N, C-alpha and C. Protein backbone atom coordinates (compact mmCIF):
# COMPACT_ATOMS: atom_id res chain seq x y z
N MET A 1 153.30 155.05 11.88
CA MET A 1 153.14 154.37 10.48
C MET A 1 151.68 154.26 12.11
N CYS A 2 150.82 154.06 11.17
CA CYS A 2 148.96 153.87 11.05
C CYS A 2 147.86 153.22 12.20
N GLY A 3 147.33 152.96 12.50
CA GLY A 3 146.39 152.09 12.94
C GLY A 3 145.26 151.73 12.49
N ILE A 4 144.51 151.49 12.24
CA ILE A 4 143.50 150.49 12.80
C ILE A 4 142.50 149.72 13.76
N VAL A 5 140.89 150.28 13.92
CA VAL A 5 140.67 149.66 15.03
C VAL A 5 139.33 149.51 14.36
N ALA A 6 138.82 148.71 14.42
CA ALA A 6 137.04 148.73 14.44
C ALA A 6 136.02 147.26 15.28
N TYR A 7 135.39 147.55 15.33
CA TYR A 7 134.15 146.59 15.99
C TYR A 7 132.75 146.86 15.14
N ILE A 8 132.18 145.17 14.89
CA ILE A 8 130.41 145.53 15.88
C ILE A 8 130.15 144.09 15.80
N GLY A 9 128.87 144.94 16.82
CA GLY A 9 128.98 143.41 17.93
C GLY A 9 127.33 144.46 18.05
N SER A 10 127.13 143.75 19.61
CA SER A 10 126.63 144.12 20.68
C SER A 10 127.20 145.11 21.73
N GLN A 11 127.94 144.97 22.30
CA GLN A 11 128.72 145.92 23.12
C GLN A 11 129.31 146.77 23.04
N LYS A 12 129.35 148.01 23.80
CA LYS A 12 129.44 149.54 23.26
C LYS A 12 130.71 150.40 22.05
N ALA A 13 130.80 150.13 21.03
CA ALA A 13 131.64 150.45 20.84
C ALA A 13 132.79 151.25 20.65
N TYR A 14 132.17 151.65 21.40
CA TYR A 14 133.79 153.98 21.47
C TYR A 14 134.81 153.33 22.19
N PRO A 15 134.45 152.42 23.57
CA PRO A 15 135.44 152.24 24.09
C PRO A 15 136.14 151.66 23.89
N ILE A 16 135.81 150.04 23.14
CA ILE A 16 136.16 149.44 22.37
C ILE A 16 137.73 149.52 21.90
N ILE A 17 137.31 150.44 20.74
CA ILE A 17 138.20 150.98 20.14
C ILE A 17 139.22 152.78 20.98
N LEU A 18 138.38 153.08 21.05
CA LEU A 18 139.47 153.78 21.66
C LEU A 18 140.39 153.24 22.16
N LYS A 19 140.08 151.94 23.54
CA LYS A 19 141.21 151.58 24.44
C LYS A 19 141.81 150.99 22.62
N GLY A 20 142.13 150.04 21.48
CA GLY A 20 142.76 149.25 20.68
C GLY A 20 143.45 150.82 20.07
N LEU A 21 142.84 151.54 19.77
CA LEU A 21 143.69 153.04 19.30
C LEU A 21 144.51 153.22 20.59
N LYS A 22 144.80 153.24 21.72
CA LYS A 22 145.29 153.25 22.66
C LYS A 22 146.09 152.20 22.84
N ARG A 23 146.36 151.05 22.13
CA ARG A 23 147.35 150.07 22.40
C ARG A 23 148.21 150.15 21.32
N LEU A 24 147.88 150.88 20.22
CA LEU A 24 148.63 151.42 19.03
C LEU A 24 149.38 152.20 19.21
N GLU A 25 148.97 153.05 20.65
CA GLU A 25 149.97 154.38 20.60
C GLU A 25 151.34 153.61 19.96
N TYR A 26 152.14 152.82 20.56
CA TYR A 26 153.09 152.64 20.16
C TYR A 26 153.75 152.74 18.89
N ARG A 27 152.85 152.39 18.07
CA ARG A 27 152.74 152.38 16.58
C ARG A 27 153.30 154.37 16.28
N GLY A 28 153.42 154.86 17.10
CA GLY A 28 153.79 156.76 16.99
C GLY A 28 153.01 157.11 15.63
N TYR A 29 152.54 158.12 15.47
CA TYR A 29 151.69 158.65 14.57
C TYR A 29 151.03 160.51 15.51
N ASP A 30 150.16 161.14 14.63
CA ASP A 30 150.56 162.42 14.64
C ASP A 30 149.02 162.59 14.92
N SER A 31 147.68 162.13 14.82
CA SER A 31 146.59 162.93 14.91
C SER A 31 145.66 161.21 14.97
N SER A 32 144.58 161.31 15.14
CA SER A 32 143.21 159.99 15.81
C SER A 32 141.98 160.40 15.16
N GLY A 33 141.04 159.40 15.46
CA GLY A 33 139.91 160.35 14.64
C GLY A 33 139.28 158.86 15.09
N ILE A 34 137.94 158.67 15.43
CA ILE A 34 136.81 157.50 15.31
C ILE A 34 135.33 158.16 15.12
N ALA A 35 134.81 157.22 13.70
CA ALA A 35 133.21 157.28 14.14
C ALA A 35 132.52 156.26 14.18
N LEU A 36 131.31 156.61 14.53
CA LEU A 36 130.69 155.86 15.17
C LEU A 36 129.29 156.14 14.33
N TYR A 37 128.59 154.68 14.43
CA TYR A 37 127.60 154.95 13.75
C TYR A 37 126.02 154.68 14.94
N GLY A 38 125.09 155.81 14.44
CA GLY A 38 124.30 155.53 15.53
C GLY A 38 122.93 155.94 14.78
N GLU A 39 122.01 156.87 15.28
CA GLU A 39 120.86 156.94 13.91
C GLU A 39 122.31 156.97 12.57
N GLN A 40 123.16 157.76 12.53
CA GLN A 40 123.43 157.88 10.68
C GLN A 40 125.22 157.44 11.14
N ILE A 41 126.08 158.05 10.94
CA ILE A 41 127.86 158.03 10.69
C ILE A 41 127.89 159.40 11.66
N GLU A 42 128.13 159.11 12.38
CA GLU A 42 129.24 160.75 13.04
C GLU A 42 131.24 160.97 13.43
N THR A 43 131.62 161.21 13.41
CA THR A 43 132.84 161.48 13.06
C THR A 43 133.75 162.49 14.03
N PHE A 44 134.87 162.07 15.61
CA PHE A 44 135.03 162.87 15.74
C PHE A 44 136.10 162.51 16.02
N LYS A 45 137.24 163.81 15.38
CA LYS A 45 138.69 163.12 15.16
C LYS A 45 139.09 164.67 14.95
N ARG A 46 141.07 164.00 15.91
CA ARG A 46 141.84 165.45 16.18
C ARG A 46 143.67 165.03 15.63
N LYS A 47 143.73 166.90 15.40
CA LYS A 47 145.02 166.43 15.84
C LYS A 47 145.93 166.30 17.23
N GLY A 48 146.65 165.36 16.69
CA GLY A 48 147.24 165.59 18.83
C GLY A 48 147.42 163.71 18.71
N ARG A 49 146.90 163.90 20.68
CA ARG A 49 147.53 161.82 21.47
C ARG A 49 145.70 161.34 21.07
N VAL A 50 145.70 160.47 21.04
CA VAL A 50 144.33 159.23 20.80
C VAL A 50 143.52 159.94 23.01
N ALA A 51 144.26 160.69 23.19
CA ALA A 51 143.56 160.74 24.33
C ALA A 51 142.41 162.04 24.02
N GLU A 52 142.61 162.49 23.50
CA GLU A 52 142.06 164.35 22.82
C GLU A 52 140.91 163.12 22.76
N LEU A 53 140.21 162.65 22.51
CA LEU A 53 138.81 162.08 21.31
C LEU A 53 138.46 161.70 22.70
N GLU A 54 138.88 161.27 23.72
CA GLU A 54 137.90 161.58 25.22
C GLU A 54 137.17 162.31 25.56
N VAL A 55 137.52 163.68 25.24
CA VAL A 55 137.02 164.49 25.52
C VAL A 55 135.28 164.76 24.25
N TRP A 56 135.11 163.11 23.29
CA TRP A 56 133.67 163.18 22.45
C TRP A 56 132.93 162.59 23.91
N ASP A 57 131.29 163.90 23.58
CA ASP A 57 130.77 163.88 24.57
C ASP A 57 128.94 163.65 24.38
N GLU A 58 129.03 163.60 22.93
CA GLU A 58 127.87 163.16 22.08
C GLU A 58 127.36 161.43 22.64
N LYS A 59 125.89 161.92 22.79
CA LYS A 59 124.72 160.76 23.29
C LYS A 59 125.08 158.94 22.92
N MET A 60 125.84 159.24 21.40
CA MET A 60 125.92 157.69 20.72
C MET A 60 126.89 157.09 21.30
N ILE A 61 127.81 158.10 21.65
CA ILE A 61 129.11 156.37 22.11
C ILE A 61 128.60 156.21 23.93
N GLU A 62 126.90 156.40 24.04
CA GLU A 62 126.56 155.21 25.06
C GLU A 62 125.91 153.68 24.50
N THR A 63 125.59 154.25 22.97
CA THR A 63 124.51 154.19 22.47
C THR A 63 125.26 152.77 21.16
N ALA A 64 126.27 153.55 20.53
CA ALA A 64 126.12 152.86 19.13
C ALA A 64 127.13 151.74 19.52
N THR A 65 126.96 150.65 18.52
CA THR A 65 127.83 149.23 18.94
C THR A 65 128.24 148.77 17.33
N VAL A 66 128.42 150.36 16.54
CA VAL A 66 129.41 149.53 15.75
C VAL A 66 130.53 151.26 15.22
N GLY A 67 131.31 150.32 15.02
CA GLY A 67 132.57 151.96 14.94
C GLY A 67 133.89 151.44 14.10
N ILE A 68 134.43 152.62 13.50
CA ILE A 68 135.56 152.44 13.16
C ILE A 68 137.45 153.46 14.27
N GLY A 69 138.09 153.16 13.99
CA GLY A 69 139.20 154.02 14.29
C GLY A 69 140.31 154.07 14.28
N HIS A 70 141.16 155.62 14.00
CA HIS A 70 142.91 155.00 13.07
C HIS A 70 143.58 156.42 13.97
N THR A 71 144.91 155.48 14.12
CA THR A 71 144.85 156.60 14.23
C THR A 71 146.66 157.16 13.14
N ARG A 72 146.92 157.87 13.03
CA ARG A 72 147.49 158.47 11.34
C ARG A 72 148.64 159.86 12.06
N TRP A 73 150.03 158.97 10.62
CA TRP A 73 151.07 159.69 10.49
C TRP A 73 151.37 159.73 9.21
N ALA A 74 150.52 160.91 9.61
CA ALA A 74 151.05 161.99 7.84
C ALA A 74 152.23 161.28 7.01
N THR A 75 151.52 161.13 5.93
CA THR A 75 152.03 161.04 4.32
C THR A 75 151.86 162.06 3.16
N HIS A 76 150.67 162.24 3.44
CA HIS A 76 150.09 162.86 2.74
C HIS A 76 149.59 164.85 3.22
N GLY A 77 150.28 165.45 3.32
CA GLY A 77 149.14 166.42 4.31
C GLY A 77 149.68 166.38 5.47
N GLU A 78 150.18 168.02 6.40
CA GLU A 78 150.50 168.24 7.88
C GLU A 78 149.16 167.44 9.08
N PRO A 79 150.16 167.29 9.46
CA PRO A 79 148.72 167.02 11.01
C PRO A 79 148.26 167.75 10.85
N SER A 80 147.10 167.42 11.31
CA SER A 80 145.58 168.72 11.84
C SER A 80 144.24 167.88 11.21
N ASP A 81 143.28 168.34 12.05
CA ASP A 81 142.04 167.48 11.98
C ASP A 81 141.40 167.41 10.96
N ALA A 82 141.35 168.03 9.29
CA ALA A 82 140.56 168.39 8.77
C ALA A 82 141.39 166.53 8.17
N ASN A 83 142.89 166.65 8.40
CA ASN A 83 143.32 165.25 7.74
C ASN A 83 143.68 164.38 8.14
N ALA A 84 142.79 164.03 9.08
CA ALA A 84 142.62 163.41 10.47
C ALA A 84 141.97 162.41 10.03
N HIS A 85 142.10 160.86 10.04
CA HIS A 85 141.24 160.09 9.42
C HIS A 85 140.18 159.99 10.59
N PRO A 86 138.70 159.56 10.49
CA PRO A 86 138.09 158.57 9.19
C PRO A 86 137.56 159.78 8.96
N HIS A 87 137.90 159.86 7.42
CA HIS A 87 137.47 160.45 5.68
C HIS A 87 135.99 160.15 5.84
N THR A 88 135.18 161.13 5.88
CA THR A 88 133.75 161.04 4.65
C THR A 88 133.87 161.40 3.54
N SER A 89 133.48 160.34 3.05
CA SER A 89 132.70 160.95 1.17
C SER A 89 132.31 162.90 1.13
N ASN A 90 132.49 163.18 -0.11
CA ASN A 90 132.04 164.29 -0.11
C ASN A 90 130.19 164.44 0.13
N ASN A 91 129.16 162.94 -0.75
CA ASN A 91 127.85 162.85 -0.03
C ASN A 91 127.66 163.15 1.46
N GLY A 92 128.68 162.90 1.74
CA GLY A 92 128.02 161.89 3.93
C GLY A 92 127.93 161.00 3.75
N GLN A 93 127.71 159.97 2.78
CA GLN A 93 126.86 158.49 3.11
C GLN A 93 128.35 157.62 3.01
N LEU A 94 129.84 157.99 2.87
CA LEU A 94 130.30 156.52 3.56
C LEU A 94 132.05 157.70 4.10
N THR A 95 131.95 156.82 5.20
CA THR A 95 133.25 156.55 5.79
C THR A 95 134.02 155.12 5.23
N LEU A 96 135.35 156.16 5.86
CA LEU A 96 136.51 155.20 5.65
C LEU A 96 137.62 155.36 6.03
N VAL A 97 138.05 154.66 6.47
CA VAL A 97 139.83 154.70 7.28
C VAL A 97 140.80 153.94 6.33
N HIS A 98 141.93 153.87 6.64
CA HIS A 98 142.86 153.72 5.72
C HIS A 98 144.37 154.11 5.82
N ASN A 99 145.23 152.55 6.18
CA ASN A 99 146.56 152.03 6.65
C ASN A 99 147.11 152.40 4.97
N GLY A 100 148.19 152.66 4.77
CA GLY A 100 149.39 153.00 3.66
C GLY A 100 149.16 153.98 2.86
N ILE A 101 149.27 152.90 1.23
CA ILE A 101 149.14 155.04 0.45
C ILE A 101 148.80 154.24 -1.30
N ILE A 102 148.07 155.12 -1.37
CA ILE A 102 148.12 155.21 -2.71
C ILE A 102 148.64 155.76 -3.52
N GLU A 103 149.56 155.53 -4.67
CA GLU A 103 150.57 155.83 -5.48
C GLU A 103 149.49 156.87 -6.41
N ASN A 104 149.18 156.05 -7.17
CA ASN A 104 148.09 157.25 -7.74
C ASN A 104 147.41 158.20 -7.71
N TYR A 105 147.45 159.08 -6.38
CA TYR A 105 145.92 159.52 -5.71
C TYR A 105 146.00 160.99 -6.20
N ALA A 106 146.71 161.43 -7.17
CA ALA A 106 147.07 162.92 -7.49
C ALA A 106 145.80 162.79 -8.92
N SER A 107 146.44 162.36 -9.54
CA SER A 107 145.63 161.41 -10.59
C SER A 107 144.26 160.97 -10.74
N LEU A 108 144.26 160.39 -9.68
CA LEU A 108 142.57 160.45 -9.12
C LEU A 108 142.05 161.34 -8.64
N LYS A 109 142.87 161.78 -8.54
CA LYS A 109 141.98 163.58 -7.59
C LYS A 109 141.43 164.47 -8.59
N GLN A 110 142.67 164.48 -10.19
CA GLN A 110 142.46 165.67 -10.90
C GLN A 110 140.43 164.64 -11.74
N GLU A 111 140.98 163.98 -12.00
CA GLU A 111 139.61 163.06 -12.74
C GLU A 111 138.78 164.01 -11.53
N LEU A 112 138.82 163.32 -10.31
CA LEU A 112 137.33 163.52 -9.48
C LEU A 112 137.18 165.15 -9.31
N ILE A 113 138.45 165.87 -9.25
CA ILE A 113 137.71 167.47 -9.64
C ILE A 113 137.57 168.15 -11.04
N GLN A 114 137.64 167.23 -12.37
CA GLN A 114 136.81 167.52 -12.93
C GLN A 114 135.05 167.27 -12.78
N LYS A 115 135.40 166.43 -12.11
CA LYS A 115 133.26 166.01 -12.32
C LYS A 115 132.64 166.92 -10.57
N GLY A 116 133.68 167.91 -10.49
CA GLY A 116 132.94 169.02 -9.57
C GLY A 116 132.82 168.58 -7.75
N TYR A 117 134.12 167.33 -7.28
CA TYR A 117 135.27 167.24 -6.38
C TYR A 117 135.66 168.63 -5.63
N VAL A 118 134.98 168.63 -4.10
CA VAL A 118 135.71 169.50 -3.52
C VAL A 118 136.79 169.08 -2.78
N PHE A 119 137.89 169.28 -2.17
CA PHE A 119 138.74 168.00 -0.82
C PHE A 119 139.25 169.13 -0.38
N LYS A 120 138.73 169.31 1.43
CA LYS A 120 139.06 169.94 2.16
C LYS A 120 140.25 169.70 2.48
N SER A 121 140.85 168.73 2.29
CA SER A 121 141.71 167.83 3.00
C SER A 121 142.92 167.28 2.22
N GLU A 122 143.81 167.00 2.27
CA GLU A 122 145.00 167.02 1.27
C GLU A 122 145.98 165.31 1.19
N THR A 123 144.36 164.23 1.69
CA THR A 123 144.94 163.08 2.00
C THR A 123 144.31 161.99 1.14
N ASP A 124 145.90 161.04 0.40
CA ASP A 124 145.32 160.42 -0.32
C ASP A 124 143.82 159.28 -0.06
N THR A 125 143.35 159.80 1.08
CA THR A 125 142.21 158.68 1.53
C THR A 125 140.63 159.27 1.35
N LYS A 126 140.76 161.01 1.49
CA LYS A 126 140.13 161.63 0.86
C LYS A 126 140.02 161.32 -0.04
N VAL A 127 141.12 160.81 -0.97
CA VAL A 127 140.49 160.83 -3.07
C VAL A 127 140.04 159.91 -2.32
N LEU A 128 140.56 158.69 -2.33
CA LEU A 128 139.54 157.02 -2.21
C LEU A 128 138.11 157.19 -2.16
N VAL A 129 137.90 158.31 -0.97
CA VAL A 129 136.36 157.50 -0.36
C VAL A 129 135.49 158.82 -1.31
N ASN A 130 136.19 159.77 -1.55
CA ASN A 130 135.12 159.64 -2.89
C ASN A 130 135.42 159.26 -3.71
N PHE A 131 136.29 158.51 -4.81
CA PHE A 131 137.01 157.80 -5.94
C PHE A 131 135.16 156.26 -5.47
N ILE A 132 135.47 155.67 -4.52
CA ILE A 132 134.52 154.73 -4.28
C ILE A 132 133.09 155.77 -3.99
N GLU A 133 132.87 156.68 -3.98
CA GLU A 133 131.88 157.32 -4.40
C GLU A 133 131.00 156.97 -5.66
N GLU A 134 132.15 158.01 -6.11
CA GLU A 134 132.19 158.19 -7.30
C GLU A 134 131.57 157.12 -8.67
N ILE A 135 132.07 156.40 -7.97
CA ILE A 135 132.02 154.71 -8.52
C ILE A 135 130.47 154.51 -8.64
N GLN A 136 130.14 154.33 -7.22
CA GLN A 136 129.05 153.67 -6.26
C GLN A 136 127.46 154.72 -7.66
N LYS A 137 128.10 155.62 -7.65
CA LYS A 137 126.84 156.93 -7.68
C LYS A 137 127.01 156.86 -9.08
N ASN A 138 127.64 156.82 -10.05
CA ASN A 138 127.57 156.50 -11.11
C ASN A 138 126.40 155.62 -11.94
N ASN A 139 127.58 153.86 -11.30
CA ASN A 139 126.98 153.59 -11.88
C ASN A 139 125.65 152.30 -11.84
N ASP A 140 125.48 152.82 -10.51
CA ASP A 140 124.42 152.46 -8.94
C ASP A 140 124.49 151.09 -8.58
N TYR A 141 125.80 151.04 -8.01
CA TYR A 141 126.45 149.68 -8.12
C TYR A 141 126.02 149.80 -5.94
N SER A 142 126.71 148.76 -5.72
CA SER A 142 126.71 148.51 -4.31
C SER A 142 128.01 148.68 -3.21
N LEU A 143 127.61 148.80 -2.31
CA LEU A 143 129.15 149.23 -2.05
C LEU A 143 130.50 148.58 -1.87
N GLU A 144 129.70 147.18 -1.76
CA GLU A 144 131.14 146.12 -2.46
C GLU A 144 131.37 146.24 -3.28
N GLU A 145 130.64 146.01 -4.78
CA GLU A 145 130.95 146.01 -6.15
C GLU A 145 131.98 147.82 -6.01
N ALA A 146 131.07 148.81 -5.88
CA ALA A 146 132.06 149.97 -6.25
C ALA A 146 133.44 150.01 -6.26
N MET A 147 133.57 149.21 -4.39
CA MET A 147 135.08 148.78 -4.45
C MET A 147 135.84 148.69 -4.73
N ARG A 148 135.08 147.46 -5.03
CA ARG A 148 136.53 146.10 -6.13
C ARG A 148 136.82 147.08 -7.97
N VAL A 149 135.90 147.45 -7.93
CA VAL A 149 135.91 148.39 -9.39
C VAL A 149 137.19 149.22 -9.39
N ALA A 150 136.83 150.03 -7.55
CA ALA A 150 137.84 151.22 -8.18
C ALA A 150 139.11 150.37 -6.92
N LEU A 151 138.96 149.48 -6.72
CA LEU A 151 140.36 149.07 -6.17
C LEU A 151 141.54 148.03 -7.62
N LYS A 152 140.17 148.50 -8.12
CA LYS A 152 140.94 147.56 -9.10
C LYS A 152 142.44 149.01 -10.30
N ARG A 153 141.69 149.54 -9.63
CA ARG A 153 142.51 151.28 -10.55
C ARG A 153 143.78 151.97 -9.38
N VAL A 154 143.22 151.73 -8.22
CA VAL A 154 143.92 152.39 -7.66
C VAL A 154 145.78 151.53 -7.12
N VAL A 155 146.53 152.22 -7.54
CA VAL A 155 148.20 151.67 -7.06
C VAL A 155 148.15 151.27 -5.97
N GLY A 156 149.48 150.43 -5.25
CA GLY A 156 149.64 151.41 -3.94
C GLY A 156 149.11 149.85 -2.66
N ALA A 157 149.39 149.61 -1.29
CA ALA A 157 149.40 149.29 -0.12
C ALA A 157 148.45 149.86 0.14
N TYR A 158 147.52 148.58 1.23
CA TYR A 158 146.41 148.93 2.51
C TYR A 158 145.98 148.26 2.67
N VAL A 159 144.63 148.52 3.47
CA VAL A 159 144.07 147.98 4.30
C VAL A 159 143.32 149.26 4.58
N ILE A 160 141.67 148.91 4.16
CA ILE A 160 140.81 149.74 4.44
C ILE A 160 139.38 149.27 5.09
N ILE A 161 138.82 150.66 5.81
CA ILE A 161 137.69 149.75 6.03
C ILE A 161 136.54 150.55 6.21
N VAL A 162 135.36 150.45 5.65
CA VAL A 162 134.24 151.36 4.97
C VAL A 162 133.58 151.09 5.97
N MET A 163 132.01 152.26 6.11
CA MET A 163 130.36 152.00 6.98
C MET A 163 130.44 153.10 5.65
N GLU A 164 129.00 152.65 5.89
CA GLU A 164 127.46 153.54 4.84
C GLU A 164 126.60 153.70 5.50
N ASN A 165 126.58 154.78 5.38
CA ASN A 165 125.38 155.42 5.87
C ASN A 165 123.84 154.90 5.48
N GLY A 166 122.93 153.73 6.47
CA GLY A 166 122.16 153.17 5.37
C GLY A 166 121.87 152.02 5.45
N PHE A 167 123.44 151.17 6.02
CA PHE A 167 124.02 150.08 6.70
C PHE A 167 124.07 149.71 8.02
N PRO A 168 123.58 150.42 9.55
CA PRO A 168 124.15 150.45 10.75
C PRO A 168 124.44 148.94 10.37
N ASP A 169 124.15 147.47 10.58
CA ASP A 169 125.32 146.42 10.80
C ASP A 169 126.03 146.24 9.68
N ARG A 170 127.00 147.09 9.52
CA ARG A 170 127.63 146.53 7.80
C ARG A 170 129.02 147.38 8.32
N LEU A 171 130.30 146.35 7.86
CA LEU A 171 131.30 147.24 8.15
C LEU A 171 132.13 145.97 6.69
N ILE A 172 132.82 146.53 5.81
CA ILE A 172 133.49 146.44 4.44
C ILE A 172 134.41 146.57 4.57
N ALA A 173 135.67 145.79 4.33
CA ALA A 173 137.16 146.02 4.63
C ALA A 173 137.96 145.72 3.70
N ALA A 174 139.16 146.24 2.88
CA ALA A 174 140.06 145.11 1.96
C ALA A 174 140.77 145.68 2.50
N ARG A 175 142.19 144.35 1.74
CA ARG A 175 143.36 144.41 2.04
C ARG A 175 144.46 144.47 0.81
N LYS A 176 145.17 145.44 1.17
CA LYS A 176 146.85 144.64 -0.16
C LYS A 176 147.94 144.96 0.49
N GLY A 177 148.53 144.28 0.21
CA GLY A 177 150.13 144.03 1.21
C GLY A 177 150.73 145.26 2.21
N SER A 178 148.87 144.97 3.02
CA SER A 178 148.42 145.68 4.70
C SER A 178 148.50 145.15 5.12
N PRO A 179 148.51 144.38 6.55
CA PRO A 179 148.10 143.35 7.68
C PRO A 179 147.42 144.26 8.22
N LEU A 180 145.69 142.72 8.14
CA LEU A 180 144.52 143.14 9.15
C LEU A 180 144.23 142.43 9.50
N VAL A 181 144.10 141.97 10.87
CA VAL A 181 143.53 141.17 11.88
C VAL A 181 141.74 141.60 11.70
N ILE A 182 141.50 140.29 11.75
CA ILE A 182 140.11 139.71 12.41
C ILE A 182 139.44 138.70 13.18
N GLY A 183 138.94 140.03 14.13
CA GLY A 183 138.54 138.50 15.02
C GLY A 183 137.11 138.35 15.21
N VAL A 184 136.98 136.68 15.43
CA VAL A 184 135.47 136.24 15.16
C VAL A 184 135.09 136.27 16.55
N GLY A 185 133.80 136.62 16.89
CA GLY A 185 133.67 136.39 18.25
C GLY A 185 131.91 135.98 18.06
N GLU A 186 131.05 135.49 19.04
CA GLU A 186 129.33 135.08 19.52
C GLU A 186 129.04 136.23 18.97
N GLY A 187 128.45 137.12 17.57
CA GLY A 187 127.89 138.20 17.30
C GLY A 187 128.70 139.33 17.42
N GLU A 188 129.87 139.11 16.73
CA GLU A 188 130.48 140.52 17.33
C GLU A 188 131.81 140.46 16.01
N HIS A 189 132.46 141.04 16.09
CA HIS A 189 133.89 141.15 15.57
C HIS A 189 134.46 142.21 15.00
N PHE A 190 135.56 142.50 15.62
CA PHE A 190 136.84 143.26 15.26
C PHE A 190 137.83 143.27 14.30
N LEU A 191 138.52 144.68 14.16
CA LEU A 191 139.14 144.34 12.73
C LEU A 191 140.01 145.20 13.49
N ALA A 192 141.75 145.38 13.16
CA ALA A 192 142.96 145.67 13.51
C ALA A 192 143.98 145.91 12.90
N SER A 193 144.59 146.58 12.76
CA SER A 193 146.17 146.59 11.71
C SER A 193 147.35 145.78 13.33
N ASP A 194 146.67 145.76 13.85
CA ASP A 194 147.41 144.95 14.58
C ASP A 194 147.47 143.68 15.69
N THR A 195 148.12 143.25 15.94
CA THR A 195 147.03 141.55 17.71
C THR A 195 147.69 142.32 18.25
N GLN A 196 147.84 143.60 18.44
CA GLN A 196 148.19 143.85 20.26
C GLN A 196 146.63 144.77 20.51
């Protein structure tokens, strides 16, 4: 079972997300990752335990106040660094974490391959982030509108949280059939797949 933790506010996001992912370890997983928004979105992900993320030594971990994290239990694709979340769209603008399963990912993937998309991951999540990118790019939609359109075509249960380069003060989340907990604080928000 996968786990998601996200933070946006004024505190350092990295230690909050790392601690949250460690609290979700009881759910079982085979890889994990974190994406933070500094000057742009940077991602660090590894096969194995959450402790592997403690070696990330980018300067931005001391300053970033927005981020998303994920623990993954392989459903599509073997446990590997490439298949670990977060996933970034081909154009590098969108970064997404996802819990659940996209049942029609294979047909969506074929559509995207015909449009020139290349996949370095075997996951349904990589298909989803690129599907949102394709809709956003071809229709000149905002991220919110592109997500709405994309999710109307998606079959399955999911929680997704998306970050977009150029929008450092925003996380966008959507869910269908999978749990998402949102904590509202003074000038900060926490999102997670579990209350732990």
